[in-house]
Amino acid sequence: MTEKVCSHHKGKQKRFFQRLCAILLVVAFILLLIFLITWAILQPKKPRFILQDATIFNLTVPAPNILTTNLQVTIYSRNPNSKVGIYYDHLHVYATYHSQQITYYTQIPSVYQGHKDVNIWSPFIYGTMVPIAPYNGLALTQAQSNGGVDLKIRLDGRVKWKVGAVTTGRYHIHVTCQAYIPFGNRGTGIVIGTGVKYQLSQSCSVSL
């Protein structure tokens, strides 16, 4: 009798857990479906970035394969969504020349950007005696002599979307800003201490 009673109780427990799991799966499916429908209705837009200015303190080529850079950039970021917030995480900014990285990574602190909110960052970007391809060193020296250098300011990191009380997983974000620096004409810049600030107001491309 004892074995039959135990077997009976085990059967009941098994059916109870099976039903509980089924209920939890249905609830999870319904919540996911609601989130996806809400997401489709809201149609979140990518954040917008603008490179407002760049202040050059140092950009020298002491040898054909060596570059030293010290600059500060001002980056404007806006969330165009009225119902979707954005979390920025592990966002790094750096400069490249002819597709080669010429500065170290500078980290921008993690931040939440609410609906229609704007953030402005002014990070310093630098690289001391950074090895570069010899042809890039020669090209950069020639570009400076010709009156202007075409750099790219890049931001790489991860973002999360926030819809109501729900937050998505992380997505990679890549931002590229064109920065043409007219070295040949200081009249186009503003002298700030040992540096020269150039107004750029350049829209950036954003990919997720």
N, C-alpha and C. Protein backbone atom coordinates (compact mmCIF):
# COMPACT_ATOMS: atom_id res chain seq x y z
N MET A 1 0.83 -1.21 0.00
CA MET A 1 0.00 0.00 0.00
C MET A 1 0.86 1.25 0.00
N THR A 2 1.94 1.22 0.76
CA THR A 2 2.81 2.40 0.87
C THR A 2 3.43 2.73 -0.48
N GLU A 3 3.88 1.72 -1.21
CA GLU A 3 4.51 1.94 -2.52
C GLU A 3 3.51 2.51 -3.50
N LYS A 4 2.25 2.04 -3.46
CA LYS A 4 1.23 2.54 -4.37
C LYS A 4 0.90 4.01 -4.07
N VAL A 5 0.82 4.34 -2.74
CA VAL A 5 0.53 5.74 -2.36
C VAL A 5 1.65 6.65 -2.82
N CYS A 6 2.91 6.25 -2.61
CA CYS A 6 4.06 7.04 -3.02
C CYS A 6 4.06 7.24 -4.53
N SER A 7 3.78 6.17 -5.26
CA SER A 7 3.73 6.25 -6.72
C SER A 7 2.63 7.20 -7.16
N HIS A 8 1.50 7.17 -6.46
CA HIS A 8 0.38 8.05 -6.79
C HIS A 8 0.76 9.52 -6.57
N HIS A 9 1.44 9.80 -5.45
CA HIS A 9 1.86 11.17 -5.15
C HIS A 9 2.90 11.67 -6.16
N LYS A 10 3.81 10.79 -6.54
CA LYS A 10 4.82 11.17 -7.53
C LYS A 10 4.18 11.50 -8.86
N GLY A 11 3.15 10.73 -9.23
CA GLY A 11 2.45 11.00 -10.47
C GLY A 11 1.77 12.37 -10.44
N LYS A 12 1.15 12.69 -9.28
CA LYS A 12 0.50 14.00 -9.14
C LYS A 12 1.51 15.14 -9.22
N GLN A 13 2.65 14.96 -8.56
CA GLN A 13 3.69 15.99 -8.58
C GLN A 13 4.21 16.21 -10.00
N LYS A 14 4.38 15.12 -10.73
CA LYS A 14 4.89 15.22 -12.09
C LYS A 14 3.92 15.97 -12.97
N ARG A 15 2.61 15.65 -12.85
CA ARG A 15 1.60 16.36 -13.66
C ARG A 15 1.52 17.83 -13.28
N PHE A 16 1.68 18.11 -11.96
CA PHE A 16 1.64 19.50 -11.49
C PHE A 16 2.78 20.31 -12.11
N PHE A 17 3.99 19.75 -12.09
CA PHE A 17 5.15 20.46 -12.65
C PHE A 17 5.04 20.59 -14.17
N GLN A 18 4.48 19.60 -14.82
CA GLN A 18 4.29 19.68 -16.27
C GLN A 18 3.33 20.82 -16.61
N ARG A 19 2.23 20.92 -15.85
CA ARG A 19 1.27 21.99 -16.08
C ARG A 19 1.88 23.36 -15.78
N LEU A 20 2.65 23.42 -14.69
CA LEU A 20 3.29 24.68 -14.32
C LEU A 20 4.26 25.14 -15.41
N CYS A 21 5.05 24.23 -15.92
CA CYS A 21 5.99 24.56 -17.00
C CYS A 21 5.23 25.03 -18.25
N ALA A 22 4.12 24.35 -18.56
CA ALA A 22 3.32 24.73 -19.73
C ALA A 22 2.75 26.14 -19.56
N ILE A 23 2.27 26.44 -18.34
CA ILE A 23 1.71 27.77 -18.06
C ILE A 23 2.79 28.84 -18.19
N LEU A 24 3.97 28.55 -17.63
CA LEU A 24 5.08 29.51 -17.71
C LEU A 24 5.51 29.76 -19.15
N LEU A 25 5.54 28.71 -19.95
CA LEU A 25 5.90 28.85 -21.36
C LEU A 25 4.88 29.70 -22.11
N VAL A 26 3.61 29.48 -21.82
CA VAL A 26 2.56 30.27 -22.48
C VAL A 26 2.67 31.73 -22.08
N VAL A 27 2.88 31.99 -20.79
CA VAL A 27 3.02 33.37 -20.32
C VAL A 27 4.23 34.05 -20.96
N ALA A 28 5.36 33.32 -21.01
CA ALA A 28 6.56 33.88 -21.63
C ALA A 28 6.34 34.18 -23.11
N PHE A 29 5.63 33.27 -23.80
CA PHE A 29 5.33 33.48 -25.21
C PHE A 29 4.45 34.72 -25.41
N ILE A 30 3.43 34.87 -24.55
CA ILE A 30 2.53 36.03 -24.66
C ILE A 30 3.29 37.33 -24.42
N LEU A 31 4.17 37.34 -23.39
CA LEU A 31 4.95 38.54 -23.10
C LEU A 31 5.88 38.88 -24.26
N LEU A 32 6.51 37.86 -24.83
CA LEU A 32 7.40 38.08 -25.98
C LEU A 32 6.62 38.61 -27.17
N LEU A 33 5.43 38.05 -27.39
CA LEU A 33 4.60 38.49 -28.50
C LEU A 33 4.17 39.95 -28.31
N ILE A 34 3.81 40.31 -27.08
CA ILE A 34 3.42 41.70 -26.80
C ILE A 34 4.60 42.64 -27.04
N PHE A 35 5.78 42.22 -26.60
CA PHE A 35 6.97 43.05 -26.79
C PHE A 35 7.28 43.24 -28.27
N LEU A 36 7.19 42.16 -29.05
CA LEU A 36 7.50 42.25 -30.48
C LEU A 36 6.49 43.13 -31.20
N ILE A 37 5.22 43.01 -30.84
CA ILE A 37 4.19 43.85 -31.47
C ILE A 37 4.43 45.33 -31.11
N THR A 38 4.73 45.58 -29.83
CA THR A 38 5.02 46.95 -29.41
C THR A 38 6.24 47.50 -30.13
N TRP A 39 7.25 46.65 -30.27
CA TRP A 39 8.48 47.05 -30.96
C TRP A 39 8.19 47.41 -32.41
N ALA A 40 7.37 46.59 -33.06
CA ALA A 40 7.04 46.84 -34.47
C ALA A 40 6.24 48.13 -34.62
N ILE A 41 5.35 48.41 -33.66
CA ILE A 41 4.55 49.63 -33.74
C ILE A 41 5.42 50.87 -33.51
N LEU A 42 6.33 50.78 -32.53
CA LEU A 42 7.16 51.94 -32.20
C LEU A 42 8.21 52.22 -33.27
N GLN A 43 8.73 51.16 -33.91
CA GLN A 43 9.76 51.28 -34.95
C GLN A 43 10.89 52.20 -34.50
N PRO A 44 11.71 51.76 -33.55
CA PRO A 44 12.77 52.63 -33.02
C PRO A 44 13.77 53.05 -34.10
N LYS A 45 14.19 54.30 -34.02
CA LYS A 45 15.15 54.84 -34.98
C LYS A 45 16.55 54.87 -34.35
N LYS A 46 17.55 54.81 -35.22
CA LYS A 46 18.93 54.85 -34.76
C LYS A 46 19.24 56.23 -34.17
N PRO A 47 20.10 56.29 -33.17
CA PRO A 47 20.50 57.60 -32.65
C PRO A 47 21.27 58.38 -33.71
N ARG A 48 21.25 59.70 -33.58
CA ARG A 48 21.92 60.57 -34.53
C ARG A 48 23.16 61.20 -33.88
N PHE A 49 24.23 61.25 -34.63
CA PHE A 49 25.49 61.79 -34.13
C PHE A 49 25.98 62.90 -35.06
N ILE A 50 26.56 63.93 -34.44
CA ILE A 50 27.17 65.03 -35.19
C ILE A 50 28.53 65.34 -34.56
N LEU A 51 29.57 65.41 -35.39
CA LEU A 51 30.88 65.85 -34.92
C LEU A 51 30.90 67.37 -35.01
N GLN A 52 30.80 68.04 -33.86
CA GLN A 52 30.65 69.49 -33.85
C GLN A 52 31.97 70.21 -34.10
N ASP A 53 33.04 69.76 -33.46
CA ASP A 53 34.33 70.43 -33.65
C ASP A 53 35.47 69.52 -33.25
N ALA A 54 36.66 69.93 -33.62
CA ALA A 54 37.88 69.21 -33.24
C ALA A 54 38.95 70.23 -32.89
N THR A 55 39.60 70.04 -31.75
CA THR A 55 40.70 70.92 -31.33
C THR A 55 42.00 70.13 -31.43
N ILE A 56 42.90 70.62 -32.27
CA ILE A 56 44.16 69.93 -32.51
C ILE A 56 45.25 70.55 -31.64
N PHE A 57 45.83 69.74 -30.76
CA PHE A 57 46.95 70.18 -29.93
C PHE A 57 48.27 69.68 -30.50
N ASN A 58 48.23 68.51 -31.12
CA ASN A 58 49.46 67.96 -31.69
C ASN A 58 49.10 66.92 -32.74
N LEU A 59 49.72 67.01 -33.88
CA LEU A 59 49.57 66.00 -34.93
C LEU A 59 50.85 66.04 -35.74
N THR A 60 51.82 65.26 -35.31
CA THR A 60 53.15 65.31 -35.91
C THR A 60 53.61 63.93 -36.34
N VAL A 61 54.48 63.94 -37.34
CA VAL A 61 55.06 62.69 -37.85
C VAL A 61 56.57 62.78 -37.66
N PRO A 62 57.08 62.38 -36.47
CA PRO A 62 58.52 62.49 -36.22
C PRO A 62 59.36 61.54 -37.08
N ALA A 63 58.75 60.50 -37.61
CA ALA A 63 59.41 59.57 -38.52
C ALA A 63 58.33 59.03 -39.46
N PRO A 64 58.71 58.52 -40.65
CA PRO A 64 57.70 58.07 -41.62
C PRO A 64 56.73 57.02 -41.09
N ASN A 65 57.16 56.27 -40.08
CA ASN A 65 56.29 55.21 -39.54
C ASN A 65 55.87 55.47 -38.10
N ILE A 66 55.96 56.72 -37.65
CA ILE A 66 55.60 57.07 -36.28
C ILE A 66 54.71 58.31 -36.30
N LEU A 67 53.65 58.30 -35.47
CA LEU A 67 52.73 59.43 -35.41
C LEU A 67 52.38 59.74 -33.95
N THR A 68 52.36 61.01 -33.61
CA THR A 68 51.92 61.46 -32.29
C THR A 68 50.72 62.38 -32.48
N THR A 69 49.65 62.05 -31.79
CA THR A 69 48.39 62.78 -31.95
C THR A 69 47.84 63.18 -30.58
N ASN A 70 47.29 64.39 -30.51
CA ASN A 70 46.61 64.85 -29.30
C ASN A 70 45.52 65.82 -29.73
N LEU A 71 44.28 65.41 -29.59
CA LEU A 71 43.17 66.26 -29.99
C LEU A 71 41.97 66.04 -29.09
N GLN A 72 41.05 66.99 -29.15
CA GLN A 72 39.80 66.89 -28.41
C GLN A 72 38.66 67.11 -29.39
N VAL A 73 37.63 66.28 -29.30
CA VAL A 73 36.49 66.40 -30.20
C VAL A 73 35.23 66.61 -29.39
N THR A 74 34.26 67.27 -30.00
CA THR A 74 32.95 67.45 -29.38
C THR A 74 31.93 66.70 -30.22
N ILE A 75 31.25 65.74 -29.60
CA ILE A 75 30.31 64.86 -30.30
C ILE A 75 28.92 65.05 -29.73
N TYR A 76 28.00 65.35 -30.60
CA TYR A 76 26.59 65.55 -30.23
C TYR A 76 25.82 64.27 -30.57
N SER A 77 25.06 63.78 -29.62
CA SER A 77 24.26 62.58 -29.83
C SER A 77 22.81 62.85 -29.42
N ARG A 78 21.87 62.45 -30.27
CA ARG A 78 20.46 62.68 -29.98
C ARG A 78 19.66 61.40 -30.20
N ASN A 79 18.75 61.13 -29.27
CA ASN A 79 17.81 60.02 -29.42
C ASN A 79 16.55 60.56 -30.10
N PRO A 80 16.27 60.17 -31.35
CA PRO A 80 15.12 60.72 -32.08
C PRO A 80 13.78 60.07 -31.70
N ASN A 81 13.83 59.05 -30.85
CA ASN A 81 12.61 58.30 -30.50
C ASN A 81 11.84 58.99 -29.37
N SER A 82 10.53 58.99 -29.51
CA SER A 82 9.68 59.60 -28.49
C SER A 82 9.21 58.60 -27.43
N LYS A 83 9.39 57.28 -27.67
CA LYS A 83 8.92 56.29 -26.72
C LYS A 83 9.96 55.20 -26.44
N VAL A 84 11.17 55.39 -26.94
CA VAL A 84 12.23 54.38 -26.75
C VAL A 84 13.46 55.07 -26.18
N GLY A 85 13.97 54.55 -25.07
CA GLY A 85 15.20 55.06 -24.48
C GLY A 85 16.40 54.24 -24.95
N ILE A 86 17.59 54.80 -24.79
CA ILE A 86 18.81 54.13 -25.25
C ILE A 86 19.84 54.11 -24.13
N TYR A 87 20.38 52.92 -23.83
CA TYR A 87 21.51 52.79 -22.93
C TYR A 87 22.78 52.65 -23.76
N TYR A 88 23.78 53.50 -23.51
CA TYR A 88 25.09 53.36 -24.15
C TYR A 88 26.03 52.69 -23.16
N ASP A 89 26.74 51.68 -23.64
CA ASP A 89 27.62 50.91 -22.76
C ASP A 89 28.91 50.57 -23.52
N HIS A 90 30.05 50.66 -22.82
CA HIS A 90 31.36 50.32 -23.40
C HIS A 90 31.58 51.09 -24.70
N LEU A 91 31.29 52.38 -24.68
CA LEU A 91 31.45 53.21 -25.88
C LEU A 91 32.87 53.78 -25.90
N HIS A 92 33.60 53.51 -27.00
CA HIS A 92 34.97 53.99 -27.14
C HIS A 92 35.09 54.88 -28.37
N VAL A 93 35.92 55.92 -28.25
CA VAL A 93 36.13 56.82 -29.38
C VAL A 93 37.62 56.82 -29.73
N TYR A 94 37.92 56.89 -31.01
CA TYR A 94 39.31 56.90 -31.47
C TYR A 94 39.36 57.50 -32.87
N ALA A 95 40.55 57.78 -33.36
CA ALA A 95 40.73 58.39 -34.68
C ALA A 95 41.46 57.43 -35.60
N THR A 96 41.12 57.51 -36.89
CA THR A 96 41.81 56.72 -37.91
C THR A 96 42.23 57.63 -39.06
N TYR A 97 43.26 57.20 -39.75
CA TYR A 97 43.71 57.90 -40.96
C TYR A 97 43.97 56.84 -42.03
N HIS A 98 43.29 56.97 -43.14
CA HIS A 98 43.39 55.97 -44.22
C HIS A 98 43.14 54.55 -43.68
N SER A 99 42.09 54.43 -42.87
CA SER A 99 41.64 53.14 -42.31
C SER A 99 42.58 52.55 -41.27
N GLN A 100 43.60 53.30 -40.86
CA GLN A 100 44.51 52.81 -39.83
C GLN A 100 44.29 53.59 -38.53
N GLN A 101 44.15 52.87 -37.43
CA GLN A 101 43.94 53.52 -36.14
C GLN A 101 45.20 54.26 -35.73
N ILE A 102 45.05 55.55 -35.36
CA ILE A 102 46.22 56.37 -35.02
C ILE A 102 46.18 56.87 -33.58
N THR A 103 45.13 56.54 -32.83
CA THR A 103 45.07 56.92 -31.41
C THR A 103 44.64 55.71 -30.58
N TYR A 104 44.81 55.84 -29.29
CA TYR A 104 44.32 54.82 -28.38
C TYR A 104 42.80 54.99 -28.23
N TYR A 105 42.17 54.02 -27.60
CA TYR A 105 40.75 54.12 -27.30
C TYR A 105 40.54 55.03 -26.09
N THR A 106 39.55 55.91 -26.18
CA THR A 106 39.11 56.71 -25.03
C THR A 106 37.68 56.31 -24.71
N GLN A 107 37.46 55.88 -23.47
CA GLN A 107 36.13 55.38 -23.10
C GLN A 107 35.22 56.52 -22.67
N ILE A 108 33.98 56.47 -23.16
CA ILE A 108 32.94 57.40 -22.74
C ILE A 108 32.11 56.69 -21.67
N PRO A 109 31.87 57.33 -20.53
CA PRO A 109 31.12 56.68 -19.45
C PRO A 109 29.74 56.20 -19.92
N SER A 110 29.30 55.07 -19.37
CA SER A 110 27.98 54.54 -19.70
C SER A 110 26.91 55.55 -19.31
N VAL A 111 25.88 55.65 -20.15
CA VAL A 111 24.86 56.67 -19.91
C VAL A 111 23.54 56.21 -20.51
N TYR A 112 22.44 56.67 -19.90
CA TYR A 112 21.11 56.42 -20.45
C TYR A 112 20.62 57.69 -21.14
N GLN A 113 20.10 57.54 -22.34
CA GLN A 113 19.59 58.66 -23.13
C GLN A 113 18.08 58.49 -23.28
N GLY A 114 17.34 59.37 -22.61
CA GLY A 114 15.89 59.26 -22.62
C GLY A 114 15.27 59.69 -23.94
N HIS A 115 13.95 59.71 -23.96
CA HIS A 115 13.21 60.05 -25.18
C HIS A 115 13.55 61.47 -25.63
N LYS A 116 13.98 61.60 -26.88
CA LYS A 116 14.31 62.90 -27.48
C LYS A 116 15.46 63.61 -26.77
N ASP A 117 16.18 62.92 -25.91
CA ASP A 117 17.26 63.55 -25.16
C ASP A 117 18.51 63.74 -26.01
N VAL A 118 19.37 64.65 -25.54
CA VAL A 118 20.63 64.97 -26.22
C VAL A 118 21.78 64.79 -25.23
N ASN A 119 22.87 64.20 -25.69
CA ASN A 119 24.11 64.11 -24.92
C ASN A 119 25.23 64.75 -25.74
N ILE A 120 26.12 65.45 -25.06
CA ILE A 120 27.29 66.04 -25.72
C ILE A 120 28.53 65.57 -24.98
N TRP A 121 29.43 64.94 -25.71
CA TRP A 121 30.68 64.43 -25.15
C TRP A 121 31.85 65.21 -25.74
N SER A 122 32.88 65.46 -24.92
CA SER A 122 34.08 66.16 -25.38
C SER A 122 35.33 65.40 -24.94
N PRO A 123 35.53 64.20 -25.46
CA PRO A 123 36.67 63.39 -25.04
C PRO A 123 37.99 63.85 -25.67
N PHE A 124 39.07 63.62 -24.95
CA PHE A 124 40.42 63.81 -25.49
C PHE A 124 40.84 62.48 -26.14
N ILE A 125 41.44 62.60 -27.30
CA ILE A 125 41.92 61.41 -28.02
C ILE A 125 43.40 61.62 -28.29
N TYR A 126 44.20 60.64 -27.94
CA TYR A 126 45.63 60.84 -28.14
C TYR A 126 46.33 59.53 -28.46
N GLY A 127 47.50 59.67 -29.03
CA GLY A 127 48.36 58.52 -29.31
C GLY A 127 49.80 59.02 -29.35
N THR A 128 50.67 58.46 -28.51
CA THR A 128 52.05 58.91 -28.43
C THR A 128 52.97 57.91 -29.11
N MET A 129 53.67 58.38 -30.12
CA MET A 129 54.62 57.55 -30.87
C MET A 129 53.97 56.24 -31.33
N VAL A 130 52.84 56.39 -32.01
CA VAL A 130 52.09 55.23 -32.49
C VAL A 130 52.67 54.75 -33.82
N PRO A 131 53.02 53.47 -33.94
CA PRO A 131 53.53 52.97 -35.22
C PRO A 131 52.43 53.00 -36.29
N ILE A 132 52.76 53.50 -37.45
CA ILE A 132 51.84 53.51 -38.58
C ILE A 132 52.56 53.03 -39.83
N ALA A 133 51.80 52.72 -40.85
CA ALA A 133 52.40 52.30 -42.11
C ALA A 133 53.21 53.46 -42.69
N PRO A 134 54.43 53.22 -43.19
CA PRO A 134 55.26 54.31 -43.73
C PRO A 134 54.56 55.16 -44.79
N TYR A 135 53.77 54.51 -45.65
CA TYR A 135 53.08 55.29 -46.69
C TYR A 135 52.03 56.22 -46.09
N ASN A 136 51.45 55.86 -44.94
CA ASN A 136 50.50 56.74 -44.28
C ASN A 136 51.22 57.94 -43.65
N GLY A 137 52.42 57.70 -43.11
CA GLY A 137 53.21 58.81 -42.57
C GLY A 137 53.55 59.82 -43.64
N LEU A 138 53.98 59.33 -44.81
CA LEU A 138 54.32 60.22 -45.92
C LEU A 138 53.08 60.94 -46.43
N ALA A 139 51.96 60.22 -46.51
CA ALA A 139 50.71 60.82 -47.00
C ALA A 139 50.23 61.91 -46.04
N LEU A 140 50.36 61.67 -44.75
CA LEU A 140 49.92 62.65 -43.77
C LEU A 140 50.79 63.91 -43.81
N THR A 141 52.11 63.72 -43.95
CA THR A 141 53.01 64.88 -44.07
C THR A 141 52.68 65.69 -45.31
N GLN A 142 52.42 65.00 -46.41
CA GLN A 142 52.06 65.69 -47.66
C GLN A 142 50.73 66.42 -47.52
N ALA A 143 49.76 65.77 -46.85
CA ALA A 143 48.44 66.39 -46.66
C ALA A 143 48.55 67.67 -45.83
N GLN A 144 49.39 67.63 -44.79
CA GLN A 144 49.59 68.83 -43.97
C GLN A 144 50.21 69.96 -44.79
N SER A 145 51.15 69.60 -45.65
CA SER A 145 51.79 70.60 -46.51
C SER A 145 50.79 71.20 -47.49
N ASN A 146 49.83 70.37 -47.91
CA ASN A 146 48.82 70.84 -48.88
C ASN A 146 47.70 71.64 -48.22
N GLY A 147 47.65 71.64 -46.88
CA GLY A 147 46.70 72.50 -46.21
C GLY A 147 45.56 71.82 -45.48
N GLY A 148 45.50 70.50 -45.46
CA GLY A 148 44.39 69.86 -44.76
C GLY A 148 44.58 68.36 -44.61
N VAL A 149 44.06 67.83 -43.52
CA VAL A 149 44.16 66.40 -43.24
C VAL A 149 42.76 65.84 -43.05
N ASP A 150 42.48 64.72 -43.68
CA ASP A 150 41.16 64.09 -43.62
C ASP A 150 41.20 62.91 -42.65
N LEU A 151 40.71 63.12 -41.44
CA LEU A 151 40.66 62.06 -40.44
C LEU A 151 39.25 61.50 -40.33
N LYS A 152 39.13 60.39 -39.64
CA LYS A 152 37.82 59.85 -39.27
C LYS A 152 37.80 59.64 -37.76
N ILE A 153 36.75 60.15 -37.13
CA ILE A 153 36.54 59.92 -35.70
C ILE A 153 35.49 58.82 -35.58
N ARG A 154 35.84 57.77 -34.88
CA ARG A 154 34.95 56.60 -34.79
C ARG A 154 34.56 56.32 -33.35
N LEU A 155 33.33 55.83 -33.20
CA LEU A 155 32.85 55.37 -31.90
C LEU A 155 32.34 53.95 -32.07
N ASP A 156 32.79 53.08 -31.21
CA ASP A 156 32.33 51.68 -31.19
C ASP A 156 31.88 51.35 -29.78
N GLY A 157 30.82 50.58 -29.69
CA GLY A 157 30.35 50.18 -28.37
C GLY A 157 29.10 49.34 -28.47
N ARG A 158 28.30 49.36 -27.42
CA ARG A 158 27.06 48.59 -27.39
C ARG A 158 25.93 49.45 -26.87
N VAL A 159 24.74 49.17 -27.35
CA VAL A 159 23.56 49.89 -26.89
C VAL A 159 22.47 48.90 -26.51
N LYS A 160 21.58 49.35 -25.62
CA LYS A 160 20.37 48.59 -25.28
C LYS A 160 19.19 49.53 -25.43
N TRP A 161 18.07 48.98 -25.91
CA TRP A 161 16.86 49.76 -26.08
C TRP A 161 15.94 49.54 -24.88
N LYS A 162 15.28 50.59 -24.43
CA LYS A 162 14.36 50.50 -23.30
C LYS A 162 12.97 50.95 -23.75
N VAL A 163 12.03 50.02 -23.70
CA VAL A 163 10.63 50.30 -24.06
C VAL A 163 9.79 50.06 -22.82
N GLY A 164 9.28 51.13 -22.21
CA GLY A 164 8.55 50.97 -20.97
C GLY A 164 9.45 50.39 -19.90
N ALA A 165 9.04 49.28 -19.31
CA ALA A 165 9.85 48.63 -18.27
C ALA A 165 10.75 47.53 -18.84
N VAL A 166 10.70 47.34 -20.15
CA VAL A 166 11.45 46.24 -20.79
C VAL A 166 12.71 46.78 -21.44
N THR A 167 13.84 46.09 -21.21
CA THR A 167 15.12 46.45 -21.81
C THR A 167 15.62 45.28 -22.65
N THR A 168 16.05 45.59 -23.87
CA THR A 168 16.52 44.54 -24.77
C THR A 168 17.94 44.11 -24.41
N GLY A 169 18.44 43.12 -25.15
CA GLY A 169 19.83 42.74 -25.04
C GLY A 169 20.72 43.77 -25.71
N ARG A 170 22.02 43.56 -25.66
CA ARG A 170 22.97 44.52 -26.21
C ARG A 170 23.12 44.37 -27.72
N TYR A 171 23.24 45.50 -28.39
CA TYR A 171 23.52 45.54 -29.82
C TYR A 171 24.79 46.35 -30.04
N HIS A 172 25.60 45.94 -31.00
CA HIS A 172 26.81 46.69 -31.33
C HIS A 172 26.43 47.94 -32.12
N ILE A 173 27.10 49.04 -31.83
CA ILE A 173 26.90 50.28 -32.55
C ILE A 173 28.24 50.76 -33.09
N HIS A 174 28.25 51.23 -34.34
CA HIS A 174 29.44 51.75 -34.98
C HIS A 174 29.11 53.12 -35.58
N VAL A 175 29.86 54.13 -35.17
CA VAL A 175 29.64 55.50 -35.64
C VAL A 175 30.91 55.99 -36.32
N THR A 176 30.76 56.57 -37.51
CA THR A 176 31.91 57.11 -38.25
C THR A 176 31.65 58.56 -38.60
N CYS A 177 32.56 59.45 -38.19
CA CYS A 177 32.43 60.88 -38.44
C CYS A 177 33.63 61.37 -39.26
N GLN A 178 33.35 62.00 -40.37
CA GLN A 178 34.40 62.57 -41.21
C GLN A 178 34.90 63.87 -40.57
N ALA A 179 36.21 64.04 -40.52
CA ALA A 179 36.79 65.25 -39.92
C ALA A 179 37.90 65.78 -40.81
N TYR A 180 37.55 66.76 -41.63
CA TYR A 180 38.57 67.40 -42.47
C TYR A 180 39.15 68.58 -41.70
N ILE A 181 40.45 68.53 -41.40
CA ILE A 181 41.11 69.56 -40.59
C ILE A 181 41.93 70.47 -41.52
N PRO A 182 41.52 71.73 -41.71
CA PRO A 182 42.23 72.65 -42.62
C PRO A 182 43.45 73.28 -41.96
N PHE A 183 44.52 72.49 -41.83
CA PHE A 183 45.72 72.97 -41.15
C PHE A 183 46.33 74.20 -41.82
N GLY A 184 46.19 74.28 -43.11
CA GLY A 184 46.89 75.33 -43.85
C GLY A 184 46.40 76.73 -43.55
N ASN A 185 45.22 76.88 -42.96
CA ASN A 185 44.65 78.20 -42.74
C ASN A 185 44.19 78.31 -41.29
N ARG A 186 45.02 78.89 -40.42
CA ARG A 186 44.66 79.04 -39.02
C ARG A 186 43.50 80.00 -38.85
N GLY A 187 43.27 80.82 -39.87
CA GLY A 187 42.16 81.76 -39.78
C GLY A 187 40.81 81.09 -39.71
N THR A 188 40.75 79.80 -40.13
CA THR A 188 39.49 79.08 -40.07
C THR A 188 39.26 78.45 -38.70
N GLY A 189 40.27 78.52 -37.82
CA GLY A 189 40.16 77.93 -36.49
C GLY A 189 40.24 78.99 -35.41
N ILE A 190 39.99 78.54 -34.16
CA ILE A 190 40.05 79.41 -32.98
C ILE A 190 41.19 78.91 -32.10
N VAL A 191 42.14 79.80 -31.83
CA VAL A 191 43.28 79.42 -31.00
C VAL A 191 42.83 79.27 -29.56
N ILE A 192 43.10 78.09 -28.99
CA ILE A 192 42.76 77.81 -27.59
C ILE A 192 44.01 77.26 -26.92
N GLY A 193 44.71 78.13 -26.18
CA GLY A 193 45.96 77.72 -25.56
C GLY A 193 46.97 77.29 -26.60
N THR A 194 47.40 76.04 -26.51
CA THR A 194 48.37 75.51 -27.48
C THR A 194 47.70 74.82 -28.66
N GLY A 195 46.37 74.82 -28.68
CA GLY A 195 45.64 74.13 -29.74
C GLY A 195 44.84 75.09 -30.61
N VAL A 196 44.29 74.53 -31.69
CA VAL A 196 43.42 75.28 -32.59
C VAL A 196 42.12 74.49 -32.77
N LYS A 197 40.99 75.15 -32.47
CA LYS A 197 39.69 74.49 -32.61
C LYS A 197 39.10 74.80 -33.98
N TYR A 198 38.61 73.74 -34.65
CA TYR A 198 37.98 73.87 -35.96
C TYR A 198 36.52 73.44 -35.86
N GLN A 199 35.61 74.33 -36.26
CA GLN A 199 34.19 74.00 -36.29
C GLN A 199 33.91 73.10 -37.49
N LEU A 200 33.24 71.98 -37.26
CA LEU A 200 33.02 71.00 -38.33
C LEU A 200 31.54 70.78 -38.64
N SER A 201 30.72 70.57 -37.60
CA SER A 201 29.27 70.32 -37.77
C SER A 201 29.03 69.25 -38.84
N GLN A 202 29.71 68.13 -38.67
CA GLN A 202 29.66 67.05 -39.65
C GLN A 202 28.77 65.90 -39.17
N SER A 203 27.74 65.57 -39.95
CA SER A 203 26.87 64.44 -39.61
C SER A 203 27.67 63.14 -39.72
N CYS A 204 27.35 62.20 -38.86
CA CYS A 204 28.06 60.92 -38.81
C CYS A 204 27.16 59.78 -39.26
N SER A 205 27.76 58.76 -39.81
CA SER A 205 27.01 57.57 -40.18
C SER A 205 26.93 56.63 -38.98
N VAL A 206 25.78 55.96 -38.84
CA VAL A 206 25.54 55.08 -37.69
C VAL A 206 25.06 53.73 -38.21
N SER A 207 25.69 52.67 -37.75
CA SER A 207 25.25 51.32 -38.11
C SER A 207 25.12 50.50 -36.84
N LEU A 208 24.10 49.61 -36.85
CA LEU A 208 23.82 48.75 -35.70
C LEU A 208 23.87 47.29 -36.12
